[in-house]
Amino acid sequence: MRRIAKKYKRPKRPWDSVLIKEEKALMREYGLRKKRELWRAREILRQYRRRARDLIALKDPEAEKILIEKMARIGLLTKASGLDDVLALDVKSILERRLQTMVFRKRVAKSIMEARQMISHGRVSVAGRRTKFPAYIVPAEEEGKISVHGG
């Protein structure tokens, strides 16, 4: 059987009360079911920030342009941004790009948990395709193409 690599890292100090309160607040605000979803968003952000720090050290303008364009496609930055803007991102910016949050912010659902339920039941489509994953990171070009699917 194939072993699948983890897509997140657990916190170094799991019983830190300040961290627990912050995580609970984020989970409530963005309707996350498990802390694993929050840790996965942190890992995505960590990878982008690590890549930006490496590019600052290498001073490779072509690679910088590729990273900024990728993040602009996702909707995290604009094309005129720089590597300092990548380092200034936080977890909330990643969580705002999730399909669950987008559906709630567009007022398709009354609550963040109703948005999650609609997505997991297949009631939401993005660009004409049904999507059943609340953690789907919506690209900027598909942001306006979120709609209710079926009756």
Protein backbone atom coordinates (compact mmCIF):
# COMPACT_ATOMS: atom_id res chain seq x y z
CA MET A 1 0.00 0.00 0.00
CA ARG A 2 1.28 3.45 -0.90
CA ARG A 3 2.19 5.77 1.95
CA ILE A 4 0.83 9.28 1.48
CA ALA A 5 2.81 12.19 2.89
CA LYS A 6 1.13 14.48 5.41
CA LYS A 7 0.08 17.88 4.14
CA TYR A 8 0.44 19.64 7.47
CA LYS A 9 2.56 19.81 10.59
CA ARG A 10 1.24 19.79 14.12
CA PRO A 11 2.17 22.69 16.39
CA LYS A 12 5.36 22.31 18.40
CA ARG A 13 3.59 23.26 21.63
CA PRO A 14 0.11 21.69 21.37
CA TRP A 15 -1.04 22.73 24.86
CA ASP A 16 -0.20 26.43 24.54
CA SER A 17 -3.35 28.18 25.81
CA VAL A 18 -2.88 31.29 23.66
CA LEU A 19 -2.53 29.17 20.53
CA ILE A 20 -5.58 27.09 21.46
CA LYS A 21 -7.71 30.24 21.86
CA GLU A 22 -6.51 31.63 18.52
CA GLU A 23 -7.20 28.34 16.75
CA LYS A 24 -10.70 28.08 18.25
CA ALA A 25 -11.52 31.62 17.15
CA LEU A 26 -10.33 30.92 13.59
CA MET A 27 -12.22 27.61 13.50
CA ARG A 28 -15.43 29.34 14.59
CA GLU A 29 -14.99 32.25 12.17
CA TYR A 30 -14.24 30.10 9.12
CA GLY A 31 -16.39 27.06 9.98
CA LEU A 32 -13.58 24.52 10.11
CA ARG A 33 -14.42 21.06 11.43
CA LYS A 34 -10.98 19.98 12.57
CA LYS A 35 -7.78 21.74 13.48
CA ARG A 36 -6.17 19.71 10.73
CA GLU A 37 -7.83 22.04 8.19
CA LEU A 38 -6.28 25.05 9.90
CA TRP A 39 -2.88 23.37 10.07
CA ARG A 40 -3.11 22.58 6.34
CA ALA A 41 -3.78 26.26 5.57
CA ARG A 42 -0.79 27.21 7.73
CA GLU A 43 1.38 24.72 5.83
CA ILE A 44 0.32 26.22 2.47
CA LEU A 45 1.26 29.66 3.75
CA ARG A 46 4.52 28.35 5.22
CA GLN A 47 5.52 26.89 1.83
CA TYR A 48 4.86 30.18 0.01
CA ARG A 49 6.77 32.19 2.60
CA ARG A 50 9.72 29.76 2.53
CA ARG A 51 9.84 29.99 -1.25
CA ALA A 52 9.77 33.80 -1.07
CA ARG A 53 12.64 33.87 1.45
CA ASP A 54 14.70 31.58 -0.78
CA LEU A 55 14.03 33.82 -3.78
CA ILE A 56 15.05 36.92 -1.83
CA ALA A 57 18.36 35.21 -1.08
CA LEU A 58 18.87 34.02 -4.69
CA LYS A 59 17.79 37.30 -6.32
CA ASP A 60 16.31 35.48 -9.34
CA PRO A 61 13.83 37.88 -11.04
CA GLU A 62 12.36 35.19 -13.31
CA ALA A 63 11.50 32.88 -10.41
CA GLU A 64 10.09 35.86 -8.45
CA LYS A 65 7.83 36.69 -11.38
CA ILE A 66 6.58 33.08 -11.55
CA LEU A 67 5.75 33.03 -7.83
CA ILE A 68 3.95 36.39 -7.93
CA GLU A 69 1.93 35.35 -11.01
CA LYS A 70 0.90 32.08 -9.31
CA MET A 71 -0.24 33.92 -6.20
CA ALA A 72 -2.08 36.48 -8.36
CA ARG A 73 -3.94 33.63 -10.11
CA ILE A 74 -4.98 32.27 -6.73
CA GLY A 75 -6.08 35.75 -5.68
CA LEU A 76 -3.76 36.20 -2.73
CA LEU A 77 -1.77 39.07 -4.30
CA THR A 78 -1.88 41.45 -7.24
CA LYS A 79 0.54 41.29 -10.18
CA ALA A 80 2.23 44.50 -8.97
CA SER A 81 3.12 42.90 -5.62
CA GLY A 82 6.59 41.96 -4.48
CA LEU A 83 8.17 39.29 -2.34
CA ASP A 84 7.69 41.45 0.77
CA ASP A 85 3.93 41.18 0.22
CA VAL A 86 4.24 37.37 0.17
CA LEU A 87 5.98 37.51 3.54
CA ALA A 88 3.23 39.78 4.89
CA LEU A 89 0.44 37.23 4.26
CA ASP A 90 -1.23 35.48 7.14
CA VAL A 91 -3.44 32.40 7.62
CA LYS A 92 -6.63 34.42 7.27
CA SER A 93 -5.72 35.34 3.70
CA ILE A 94 -5.53 31.62 2.81
CA LEU A 95 -8.75 30.82 4.67
CA GLU A 96 -10.57 33.64 2.83
CA ARG A 97 -9.81 31.91 -0.50
CA ARG A 98 -11.56 28.66 0.51
CA LEU A 99 -14.78 27.77 -1.29
CA GLN A 100 -16.66 27.50 1.99
CA THR A 101 -15.79 31.08 2.93
CA MET A 102 -16.53 32.39 -0.57
CA VAL A 103 -20.00 30.82 -0.60
CA PHE A 104 -20.79 32.41 2.76
CA ARG A 105 -19.36 35.83 1.81
CA LYS A 106 -21.41 35.87 -1.41
CA ARG A 107 -24.55 35.35 0.70
CA VAL A 108 -25.42 32.05 -1.02
CA ALA A 109 -25.69 30.48 2.45
CA LYS A 110 -26.99 32.00 5.68
CA SER A 111 -24.15 30.71 7.84
CA ILE A 112 -20.64 29.42 7.35
CA MET A 113 -21.70 25.92 8.41
CA GLU A 114 -24.63 25.95 5.98
CA ALA A 115 -22.14 26.84 3.25
CA ARG A 116 -20.06 23.81 4.21
CA GLN A 117 -23.11 21.56 4.14
CA MET A 118 -24.22 22.87 0.74
CA ILE A 119 -20.77 22.20 -0.71
CA SER A 120 -20.39 18.72 0.75
CA HIS A 121 -23.87 17.76 -0.50
CA GLY A 122 -22.98 18.87 -4.01
CA ARG A 123 -25.25 21.92 -4.18
CA VAL A 124 -22.51 24.37 -5.21
CA SER A 125 -20.76 24.57 -8.56
CA VAL A 126 -17.68 26.53 -9.55
CA ALA A 127 -17.46 27.48 -13.24
CA GLY A 128 -20.18 24.94 -14.06
CA ARG A 129 -18.50 22.03 -12.22
CA ARG A 130 -19.90 20.57 -9.01
CA THR A 131 -17.36 20.71 -6.22
CA LYS A 132 -17.73 18.72 -3.01
CA PHE A 133 -14.66 20.05 -1.21
CA PRO A 134 -15.11 23.00 1.18
CA ALA A 135 -11.32 23.44 1.33
CA TYR A 136 -11.05 24.08 -2.43
CA ILE A 137 -8.92 27.19 -2.98
CA VAL A 138 -10.88 29.31 -5.46
CA PRO A 139 -8.75 30.98 -8.15
CA ALA A 140 -9.43 34.67 -8.80
CA GLU A 141 -10.85 34.02 -12.27
CA GLU A 142 -13.43 31.54 -10.91
CA GLU A 143 -14.51 33.75 -8.02
CA GLY A 144 -17.49 35.19 -9.89
CA LYS A 145 -18.54 31.78 -11.26
CA ILE A 146 -19.72 30.31 -7.95
CA SER A 147 -23.38 29.31 -8.17
CA VAL A 148 -25.99 27.01 -6.66
CA HIS A 149 -26.20 23.73 -8.57
CA GLY A 150 -29.48 21.87 -9.00
CA GLY A 151 -32.75 22.31 -7.15
